[in-house]
C-alpha cells in the first residue's frame, strides 16, 4: 500500500469537509422545502409556506456562505 504524503492527506481532508458541508446543506434545504410544501398543500397555509420556503432558503444560503 502506498504511503500518502502530508499534502495529499490535507487535500483529501479539505475535499471531504467540503463534501460533508454540501451534503448537510442539501439535507437541510430538502427539509425546508418539504416542510413548506406540506404547509402549503396539506395545511392550506400558503403565505406562511411561501415565507418559510423563500426565507429558509435564503438563510441556508447565507449561513453556508458565511461558514464556508
Protein backbone atom coordinates (compact mmCIF):
# COMPACT_ATOMS: atom_id res chain seq x y z
CA UNK A 1 0.00 0.00 0.00
CA UNK A 2 1.36 3.40 -0.96
CA UNK A 3 2.08 5.94 1.73
CA UNK A 4 0.29 9.27 1.41
CA UNK A 5 2.17 12.50 1.83
CA UNK A 6 1.01 15.21 4.18
CA UNK A 7 -0.10 17.33 1.23
CA UNK A 8 -2.27 14.51 -0.14
CA UNK A 9 -3.83 13.92 3.28
CA UNK A 10 -4.51 17.66 3.68
CA UNK A 11 -6.08 17.84 0.21
CA UNK A 12 -8.21 14.78 0.90
CA UNK A 13 -9.44 16.22 4.21
CA UNK A 14 -10.34 19.53 2.54
CA UNK A 15 -12.33 17.70 -0.13
CA UNK A 16 -14.02 15.51 2.46
CA UNK A 17 -15.00 18.52 4.57
CA UNK A 18 -16.38 20.40 1.56
CA UNK A 19 -18.41 17.36 0.51
CA UNK A 20 -19.82 16.99 4.03
CA UNK A 21 -20.90 20.65 4.01
CA UNK A 22 -22.59 20.16 0.64
CA UNK A 23 -24.48 17.07 1.84
CA UNK A 24 -25.55 18.85 5.04
CA UNK A 25 -26.78 21.84 3.04
CA UNK A 26 -28.79 19.64 0.70
CA UNK A 27 -30.39 17.69 3.56
CA UNK A 28 -31.35 20.87 5.40
CA UNK A 29 -32.66 22.50 2.22
CA UNK A 30 -34.73 19.41 1.43
CA UNK A 31 -36.25 19.55 4.92
CA UNK A 32 -37.15 23.23 4.45
CA UNK A 33 -38.58 22.54 1.02
CA UNK A 34 -40.70 19.57 2.10
CA UNK A 35 -41.99 21.31 5.22
CA UNK A 36 -43.00 24.40 3.25
CA UNK A 37 -44.72 22.20 0.66
CA UNK A 38 -46.58 20.39 3.44
CA UNK A 39 -47.74 23.67 4.91
CA UNK A 40 -48.95 24.89 1.54
CA UNK A 41 -50.57 21.74 0.22
CA UNK A 42 -51.85 19.93 3.30
CA UNK A 43 -52.42 22.69 5.85
CA UNK A 44 -53.54 25.29 3.28
CA UNK A 45 -51.32 27.99 4.78
CA UNK A 46 -49.98 29.42 1.53
CA UNK A 47 -48.37 32.67 2.68
CA UNK A 48 -46.59 31.05 5.61
CA UNK A 49 -45.40 28.30 3.28
CA UNK A 50 -44.02 30.86 0.85
CA UNK A 51 -42.26 32.79 3.60
CA UNK A 52 -40.77 29.63 5.08
CA UNK A 53 -39.59 28.35 1.71
CA UNK A 54 -38.03 31.57 0.47
CA UNK A 55 -36.79 32.74 3.86
CA UNK A 56 -35.40 29.37 4.83
CA UNK A 57 -33.57 29.02 1.52
CA UNK A 58 -32.03 32.48 1.88
CA UNK A 59 -30.99 31.79 5.48
CA UNK A 60 -29.39 28.49 4.48
CA UNK A 61 -27.53 30.10 1.59
CA UNK A 62 -26.24 32.95 3.73
CA UNK A 63 -25.39 30.65 6.61
CA UNK A 64 -23.36 28.26 4.50
CA UNK A 65 -21.69 31.14 2.60
CA UNK A 66 -20.55 32.70 5.87
CA UNK A 67 -19.47 29.40 7.45
CA UNK A 68 -17.80 28.10 4.29
